């Protein structure tokens, strides 16, 4: 039994209709995957940069505390790695 599809009143047999994947769909899938990987990479880089900045700030604050305590003549001794 033949079935027909109506394309603006031109009856076309379903057997004649071929669904082929469009190249645009393939490009869009590739671009979407690249965007997702780029977003993941940017998030990972932001986390790494924030951790590095927090560590540098911590070292700087510890050095300033050390300098302040030594300036006031305290018995506080700085760690050897800070100077």
N, C-alpha and C. Protein backbone atom coordinates (compact mmCIF):
# COMPACT_ATOMS: atom_id res chain seq x y z
N UNK A 1 0.85 -1.18 0.00
CA UNK A 1 0.00 0.00 0.00
C UNK A 1 0.88 1.23 0.00
N UNK A 2 0.65 2.09 -0.94
CA UNK A 2 1.46 3.30 -1.06
C UNK A 2 0.84 4.40 -0.23
N UNK A 3 1.70 5.14 0.41
CA UNK A 3 1.23 6.32 1.15
C UNK A 3 1.83 7.55 0.49
N UNK A 4 1.13 8.63 0.59
CA UNK A 4 1.55 9.85 -0.09
C UNK A 4 1.65 10.99 0.92
N UNK A 5 2.58 11.90 0.65
CA UNK A 5 2.72 13.11 1.44
C UNK A 5 2.33 14.27 0.56
N UNK A 6 1.60 15.20 1.12
CA UNK A 6 1.13 16.34 0.36
C UNK A 6 2.09 17.50 0.57
N UNK A 7 2.87 17.84 -0.46
CA UNK A 7 3.75 19.00 -0.42
C UNK A 7 3.16 20.06 -1.33
N UNK A 8 2.38 20.93 -0.76
CA UNK A 8 1.72 22.00 -1.52
C UNK A 8 0.97 21.44 -2.73
N UNK A 9 0.21 20.44 -2.49
CA UNK A 9 -0.66 19.80 -3.46
C UNK A 9 0.07 19.00 -4.52
N UNK A 10 1.37 18.80 -4.35
CA UNK A 10 2.08 17.88 -5.22
C UNK A 10 2.21 16.59 -4.44
N UNK A 11 1.48 15.61 -4.81
CA UNK A 11 1.51 14.36 -4.07
C UNK A 11 2.83 13.64 -4.35
N UNK A 12 3.54 13.30 -3.30
CA UNK A 12 4.83 12.65 -3.42
C UNK A 12 4.76 11.36 -2.63
N UNK A 13 5.26 10.30 -3.24
CA UNK A 13 5.30 9.02 -2.53
C UNK A 13 6.31 9.09 -1.40
N UNK A 14 5.99 8.45 -0.27
CA UNK A 14 6.91 8.42 0.86
C UNK A 14 8.22 7.73 0.50
N UNK A 15 8.17 6.79 -0.42
CA UNK A 15 9.40 6.10 -0.83
C UNK A 15 10.37 7.05 -1.53
N UNK A 16 9.84 8.10 -2.14
CA UNK A 16 10.68 9.06 -2.85
C UNK A 16 11.32 10.07 -1.91
N UNK A 17 10.79 10.18 -0.72
CA UNK A 17 11.32 11.16 0.24
C UNK A 17 12.53 10.54 0.92
N UNK A 18 13.64 11.19 0.77
CA UNK A 18 14.88 10.71 1.36
C UNK A 18 15.32 11.73 2.40
N UNK A 19 15.51 11.25 3.61
CA UNK A 19 15.96 12.18 4.64
C UNK A 19 17.48 12.08 4.74
N UNK A 20 18.12 13.14 4.31
CA UNK A 20 19.57 13.16 4.39
C UNK A 20 19.98 14.21 5.42
N UNK A 21 21.04 13.89 6.14
CA UNK A 21 21.52 14.80 7.17
C UNK A 21 22.15 16.01 6.50
N UNK A 22 21.81 17.14 7.02
CA UNK A 22 22.29 18.38 6.46
C UNK A 22 23.68 18.68 7.02
N UNK A 23 24.56 19.23 6.21
CA UNK A 23 25.90 19.58 6.67
C UNK A 23 25.84 20.66 7.75
N UNK A 24 24.83 21.49 7.68
CA UNK A 24 24.68 22.54 8.68
C UNK A 24 24.46 21.93 10.06
N UNK A 25 23.69 20.86 10.14
CA UNK A 25 23.46 20.21 11.42
C UNK A 25 24.78 19.69 12.00
N UNK A 26 25.61 19.11 11.17
CA UNK A 26 26.89 18.58 11.61
C UNK A 26 27.80 19.70 12.12
N UNK A 27 27.83 20.82 11.40
CA UNK A 27 28.65 21.96 11.81
C UNK A 27 28.13 22.54 13.13
N UNK A 28 26.82 22.61 13.27
CA UNK A 28 26.25 23.13 14.50
C UNK A 28 26.58 22.24 15.70
N UNK A 29 26.56 20.95 15.49
CA UNK A 29 26.91 20.01 16.57
C UNK A 29 28.38 20.20 16.96
N UNK A 30 29.25 20.32 15.98
CA UNK A 30 30.68 20.53 16.25
C UNK A 30 30.89 21.84 17.00
N UNK A 31 30.25 22.91 16.55
CA UNK A 31 30.40 24.21 17.20
C UNK A 31 29.85 24.19 18.62
N UNK A 32 28.75 23.50 18.83
CA UNK A 32 28.19 23.38 20.17
C UNK A 32 29.14 22.64 21.10
N UNK A 33 29.75 21.58 20.60
CA UNK A 33 30.70 20.83 21.42
C UNK A 33 31.92 21.69 21.75
N UNK A 34 32.40 22.47 20.78
CA UNK A 34 33.53 23.36 21.02
C UNK A 34 33.17 24.41 22.07
N UNK A 35 31.98 24.96 21.98
CA UNK A 35 31.54 25.97 22.95
C UNK A 35 31.45 25.37 24.36
N UNK A 36 30.91 24.18 24.46
CA UNK A 36 30.80 23.54 25.77
C UNK A 36 32.18 23.28 26.36
N UNK A 37 33.11 22.78 25.55
CA UNK A 37 34.47 22.54 26.03
C UNK A 37 35.17 23.85 26.40
N UNK A 38 34.91 24.91 25.64
CA UNK A 38 35.50 26.21 25.94
C UNK A 38 34.98 26.76 27.26
N UNK A 39 33.68 26.62 27.51
CA UNK A 39 33.10 27.08 28.77
C UNK A 39 33.67 26.29 29.94
N UNK A 40 33.80 24.98 29.79
CA UNK A 40 34.39 24.15 30.85
C UNK A 40 35.84 24.58 31.10
N UNK A 41 36.58 24.83 30.04
CA UNK A 41 37.97 25.28 30.18
C UNK A 41 38.07 26.62 30.87
N UNK A 42 37.19 27.54 30.52
CA UNK A 42 37.20 28.86 31.16
C UNK A 42 36.86 28.77 32.64
N UNK A 43 35.92 27.90 32.99
CA UNK A 43 35.57 27.72 34.40
C UNK A 43 36.76 27.14 35.16
N UNK A 44 37.42 26.14 34.58
CA UNK A 44 38.59 25.54 35.23
C UNK A 44 39.71 26.57 35.38
N UNK A 45 39.95 27.38 34.35
CA UNK A 45 40.98 28.41 34.43
C UNK A 45 40.64 29.44 35.49
N UNK A 46 39.38 29.83 35.59
CA UNK A 46 38.95 30.81 36.60
C UNK A 46 39.18 30.27 38.01
N UNK A 47 38.87 29.00 38.22
CA UNK A 47 39.09 28.39 39.53
C UNK A 47 40.58 28.37 39.85
N UNK A 48 41.41 27.97 38.88
CA UNK A 48 42.85 27.92 39.09
C UNK A 48 43.40 29.32 39.40
N UNK A 49 42.96 30.33 38.64
CA UNK A 49 43.45 31.69 38.85
C UNK A 49 43.01 32.23 40.21
N UNK A 50 41.79 31.92 40.62
CA UNK A 50 41.31 32.39 41.92
C UNK A 50 42.10 31.76 43.06
N UNK A 51 42.39 30.47 42.93
CA UNK A 51 43.19 29.79 43.97
C UNK A 51 44.59 30.39 44.04
N UNK A 52 45.21 30.65 42.89
CA UNK A 52 46.55 31.22 42.86
C UNK A 52 46.56 32.62 43.47
N UNK A 53 45.54 33.40 43.16
CA UNK A 53 45.45 34.75 43.70
C UNK A 53 45.24 34.72 45.21
N UNK A 54 44.40 33.82 45.69
CA UNK A 54 44.16 33.70 47.13
C UNK A 54 45.43 33.28 47.85
N UNK A 55 46.18 32.38 47.26
CA UNK A 55 47.44 31.92 47.89
C UNK A 55 48.44 33.07 47.93
N UNK A 56 48.57 33.82 46.84
CA UNK A 56 49.50 34.96 46.81
C UNK A 56 49.08 36.01 47.83
N UNK A 57 47.80 36.26 47.96
CA UNK A 57 47.30 37.23 48.94
C UNK A 57 47.60 36.76 50.35
N UNK A 58 47.45 35.47 50.60
CA UNK A 58 47.73 34.91 51.92
C UNK A 58 49.20 35.06 52.28
N UNK A 59 50.08 34.78 51.33
CA UNK A 59 51.52 34.93 51.56
C UNK A 59 51.87 36.39 51.83
N UNK A 60 51.27 37.29 51.08
CA UNK A 60 51.53 38.72 51.25
C UNK A 60 51.06 39.20 52.63
N UNK A 61 49.88 38.78 53.04
CA UNK A 61 49.36 39.19 54.35
C UNK A 61 50.20 38.61 55.49
N UNK A 62 50.68 37.39 55.31
CA UNK A 62 51.53 36.78 56.32
C UNK A 62 52.86 37.52 56.43
N UNK A 63 53.40 37.95 55.30
CA UNK A 63 54.65 38.72 55.29
C UNK A 63 54.45 40.07 55.96
N UNK A 64 53.33 40.72 55.69
CA UNK A 64 53.05 42.01 56.32
C UNK A 64 52.88 41.87 57.83
N UNK A 65 52.23 40.79 58.26
CA UNK A 65 52.09 40.54 59.69
C UNK A 65 53.46 40.32 60.32
N UNK A 66 54.30 39.58 59.64
CA UNK A 66 55.64 39.31 60.13
C UNK A 66 56.43 40.61 60.27
N UNK A 67 56.36 41.46 59.25
CA UNK A 67 57.07 42.74 59.29
C UNK A 67 56.55 43.62 60.42
N UNK A 68 55.25 43.64 60.61
CA UNK A 68 54.65 44.45 61.66
C UNK A 68 55.06 43.97 63.04
N UNK A 69 55.05 42.67 63.25
CA UNK A 69 55.41 42.12 64.55
C UNK A 69 56.89 42.38 64.86
N UNK A 70 57.75 42.24 63.85
CA UNK A 70 59.17 42.51 64.07
C UNK A 70 59.41 43.99 64.32
N UNK A 71 58.66 44.84 63.67
CA UNK A 71 58.80 46.29 63.85
C UNK A 71 58.42 46.68 65.27
N UNK A 72 57.43 46.03 65.85
CA UNK A 72 56.98 46.34 67.20
C UNK A 72 57.84 45.67 68.27
N UNK A 73 58.85 44.93 67.87
CA UNK A 73 59.75 44.30 68.83
C UNK A 73 59.14 43.08 69.50
N UNK A 74 58.20 42.43 68.83
CA UNK A 74 57.56 41.25 69.39
C UNK A 74 58.50 40.06 69.31
N UNK A 75 58.17 39.06 70.07
CA UNK A 75 58.96 37.82 70.03
C UNK A 75 58.47 36.91 68.90
N UNK A 76 57.54 37.38 68.13
CA UNK A 76 57.02 36.59 67.00
C UNK A 76 58.13 36.39 65.98
N UNK A 77 58.33 35.18 65.57
CA UNK A 77 59.37 34.89 64.58
C UNK A 77 58.70 34.43 63.28
N UNK A 78 59.14 35.00 62.21
CA UNK A 78 58.59 34.65 60.89
C UNK A 78 59.15 33.31 60.45
N UNK A 79 58.39 32.68 59.58
CA UNK A 79 58.89 31.46 58.97
C UNK A 79 60.01 31.83 58.01
N UNK A 80 60.95 30.92 57.81
CA UNK A 80 62.12 31.21 56.99
C UNK A 80 61.74 31.45 55.53
N UNK A 81 60.69 30.82 55.06
CA UNK A 81 60.31 30.95 53.66
C UNK A 81 59.68 32.28 53.30
N UNK A 82 59.27 33.06 54.28
CA UNK A 82 58.57 34.31 54.00
C UNK A 82 59.53 35.46 53.68
N UNK A 83 60.72 35.46 54.24
CA UNK A 83 61.62 36.59 54.03
C UNK A 83 62.31 36.49 52.76
